[in-house]
Amino acid sequence: MDPFSITTGVVGLLGTCVSVVKALNDFCASVATVDTKITGLREIVQDFVQVLTLMKDTLEQEETKSSLNSTGHINNHWSHISTSIKDGQKIAPQLENLLEKVDGNAAVLIRVRKHGRLESAAPQILVYQQQIQHCSDTMQLSMQAVIM
């Protein structure tokens, strides 16, 4: 496993997820009532940001850097982490784009239109929510196994 690519991936994904949280916060601030779909998604993405931040801090420790070159069982966990990073790097920008579309720029009936766009995007939002949760869970589990 290439330590630089893992660290770079975590940092890049962290930045994208912070942008997604900002988009979610902006959306919530612009509507009268916040749908539970959005608040649930925001919490999951915020939790994922925390996981990525902890991973970044852990990856900066010397003991962790040495395990990046491990083989066998530990290497499998690094592989799972790498795959989750790549998945997250695909999912987060797609989610951010969807949120931008839902937020929209209508001048008339802004809240009503946003609510309608949110309702039509709800199935896709649920899919992104589940994918982000899966990435987060996989990264946490594998990281715990690596540092034990």
Protein backbone atom coordinates (compact mmCIF):
# COMPACT_ATOMS: atom_id res chain seq x y z
CA MET A 1 0.00 0.00 0.00
CA ASP A 2 1.33 3.41 -0.92
CA PRO A 3 1.26 5.58 2.23
CA PHE A 4 1.20 8.80 0.25
CA SER A 5 -1.87 7.82 -1.79
CA ILE A 6 -3.79 6.74 1.32
CA THR A 7 -2.99 10.00 3.13
CA THR A 8 -3.67 12.12 0.05
CA GLY A 9 -6.95 10.30 -0.52
CA VAL A 10 -8.09 10.90 3.05
CA VAL A 11 -7.19 14.61 2.90
CA GLY A 12 -8.91 15.08 -0.48
CA LEU A 13 -12.03 13.23 0.58
CA LEU A 14 -12.10 15.20 3.83
CA GLY A 15 -12.13 18.48 1.87
CA THR A 16 -14.94 17.29 -0.38
CA CYS A 17 -17.02 16.10 2.57
CA VAL A 18 -16.57 19.43 4.33
CA SER A 19 -17.96 21.06 1.15
CA VAL A 20 -20.91 18.67 1.23
CA VAL A 21 -21.63 19.57 4.87
CA LYS A 22 -21.52 23.26 3.91
CA ALA A 23 -23.95 22.63 1.04
CA LEU A 24 -26.27 20.77 3.42
CA ASN A 25 -26.09 23.58 5.96
CA ASP A 26 -26.78 26.18 3.26
CA PHE A 27 -29.76 24.17 2.04
CA CYS A 28 -31.15 23.82 5.56
CA ALA A 29 -30.79 27.56 6.12
CA SER A 30 -32.72 28.36 2.94
CA VAL A 31 -35.87 26.32 3.57
CA ALA A 32 -38.62 26.83 6.10
CA THR A 33 -38.73 23.28 7.42
CA VAL A 34 -35.86 20.88 7.13
CA ASP A 35 -36.81 17.40 6.00
CA THR A 36 -35.58 14.49 8.13
CA LYS A 37 -33.88 13.09 5.01
CA ILE A 38 -31.59 16.09 4.94
CA THR A 39 -30.90 16.22 8.67
CA GLY A 40 -30.08 12.49 8.68
CA LEU A 41 -27.79 12.89 5.70
CA ARG A 42 -26.09 15.90 7.27
CA GLU A 43 -25.40 13.92 10.46
CA ILE A 44 -23.95 10.99 8.51
CA VAL A 45 -21.69 13.24 6.44
CA GLN A 46 -20.59 15.13 9.58
CA ASP A 47 -19.76 11.80 11.23
CA PHE A 48 -17.81 10.79 8.12
CA VAL A 49 -15.85 14.06 8.34
CA GLN A 50 -14.96 13.14 11.93
CA VAL A 51 -13.84 9.66 10.85
CA LEU A 52 -11.68 11.15 8.09
CA THR A 53 -10.19 13.71 10.46
CA LEU A 54 -9.27 11.00 12.96
CA MET A 55 -7.83 8.88 10.15
CA LYS A 56 -5.72 11.80 8.95
CA ASP A 57 -4.37 12.30 12.47
CA THR A 58 -3.73 8.56 12.87
CA LEU A 59 -1.96 8.33 9.51
CA GLU A 60 0.47 11.02 10.64
CA GLN A 61 1.71 8.81 13.50
CA GLU A 62 4.92 6.86 12.86
CA GLU A 63 3.51 3.54 14.12
CA THR A 64 0.72 3.75 11.57
CA LYS A 65 3.04 4.70 8.72
CA SER A 66 5.09 1.56 9.28
CA SER A 67 2.00 -0.66 9.11
CA LEU A 68 1.17 0.70 5.64
CA ASN A 69 3.88 -1.58 4.27
CA SER A 70 2.50 -4.67 6.00
CA THR A 71 1.44 -7.83 4.25
CA GLY A 72 -1.30 -10.36 4.92
CA HIS A 73 -4.24 -9.52 7.15
CA ILE A 74 -3.19 -5.91 7.86
CA ASN A 75 -2.63 -5.27 4.16
CA ASN A 76 -6.20 -6.45 3.49
CA HIS A 77 -7.49 -3.78 5.86
CA TRP A 78 -5.42 -1.10 4.11
CA SER A 79 -6.88 -2.33 0.84
CA HIS A 80 -10.41 -1.95 2.26
CA ILE A 81 -9.58 1.57 3.42
CA SER A 82 -8.17 2.44 0.00
CA THR A 83 -11.29 1.11 -1.73
CA SER A 84 -13.54 3.09 0.62
CA ILE A 85 -11.55 6.25 -0.06
CA LYS A 86 -11.95 5.75 -3.81
CA ASP A 87 -15.67 5.08 -3.39
CA GLY A 88 -16.05 8.18 -1.23
CA GLN A 89 -14.18 10.25 -3.79
CA LYS A 90 -16.83 9.27 -6.34
CA ILE A 91 -19.85 9.57 -4.07
CA ALA A 92 -19.16 12.90 -2.32
CA PRO A 93 -18.92 15.06 -5.48
CA GLN A 94 -22.03 13.39 -6.91
CA LEU A 95 -23.91 14.15 -3.71
CA GLU A 96 -22.66 17.73 -3.74
CA ASN A 97 -23.87 18.16 -7.34
CA LEU A 98 -27.27 16.72 -6.46
CA LEU A 99 -27.58 19.10 -3.51
CA GLU A 100 -26.74 22.05 -5.75
CA LYS A 101 -29.49 20.98 -8.16
CA VAL A 102 -32.00 20.57 -5.34
CA ASP A 103 -31.05 23.95 -3.87
CA GLY A 104 -31.59 25.67 -7.25
CA ASN A 105 -31.97 29.37 -8.00
CA ALA A 106 -35.67 29.95 -8.54
CA ALA A 107 -36.80 33.51 -7.86
CA VAL A 108 -40.48 32.69 -7.40
CA LEU A 109 -41.84 30.19 -4.89
CA ILE A 110 -38.33 29.29 -3.78
CA ARG A 111 -39.29 27.11 -0.82
CA VAL A 112 -42.02 25.26 -2.68
CA ARG A 113 -39.73 24.49 -5.61
CA LYS A 114 -36.91 23.36 -3.34
CA HIS A 115 -39.28 21.06 -1.51
CA GLY A 116 -40.44 19.59 -4.83
CA ARG A 117 -36.87 19.07 -6.02
CA LEU A 118 -36.00 17.51 -2.67
CA GLU A 119 -38.90 15.08 -2.92
CA SER A 120 -37.88 14.02 -6.42
CA ALA A 121 -34.24 13.59 -5.34
CA ALA A 122 -35.11 11.70 -2.13
CA PRO A 123 -34.43 8.19 -3.50
CA GLN A 124 -31.00 9.22 -4.77
CA ILE A 125 -30.22 11.02 -1.51
CA LEU A 126 -31.03 7.82 0.38
CA VAL A 127 -28.63 5.85 -1.84
CA TYR A 128 -25.82 8.37 -1.24
CA GLN A 129 -26.55 8.32 2.48
CA GLN A 130 -26.23 4.53 2.58
CA GLN A 131 -23.04 4.58 0.50
CA ILE A 132 -21.39 7.18 2.71
CA GLN A 133 -22.40 5.26 5.82
CA HIS A 134 -20.90 2.09 4.33
CA CYS A 135 -17.61 3.85 3.50
CA SER A 136 -17.44 5.30 6.99
CA ASP A 137 -18.18 1.97 8.68
CA THR A 138 -15.62 0.10 6.56
CA MET A 139 -12.93 2.69 7.17
CA GLN A 140 -13.56 2.72 10.94
CA LEU A 141 -13.53 -1.06 11.25
CA SER A 142 -10.40 -1.52 9.14
CA MET A 143 -8.58 1.33 10.85
CA GLN A 144 -9.35 -0.18 14.26
CA ALA A 145 -7.95 -3.52 13.09
CA VAL A 146 -4.79 -1.86 11.76
CA ILE A 147 -3.98 0.07 14.93
CA MET A 148 -4.64 -2.81 17.34
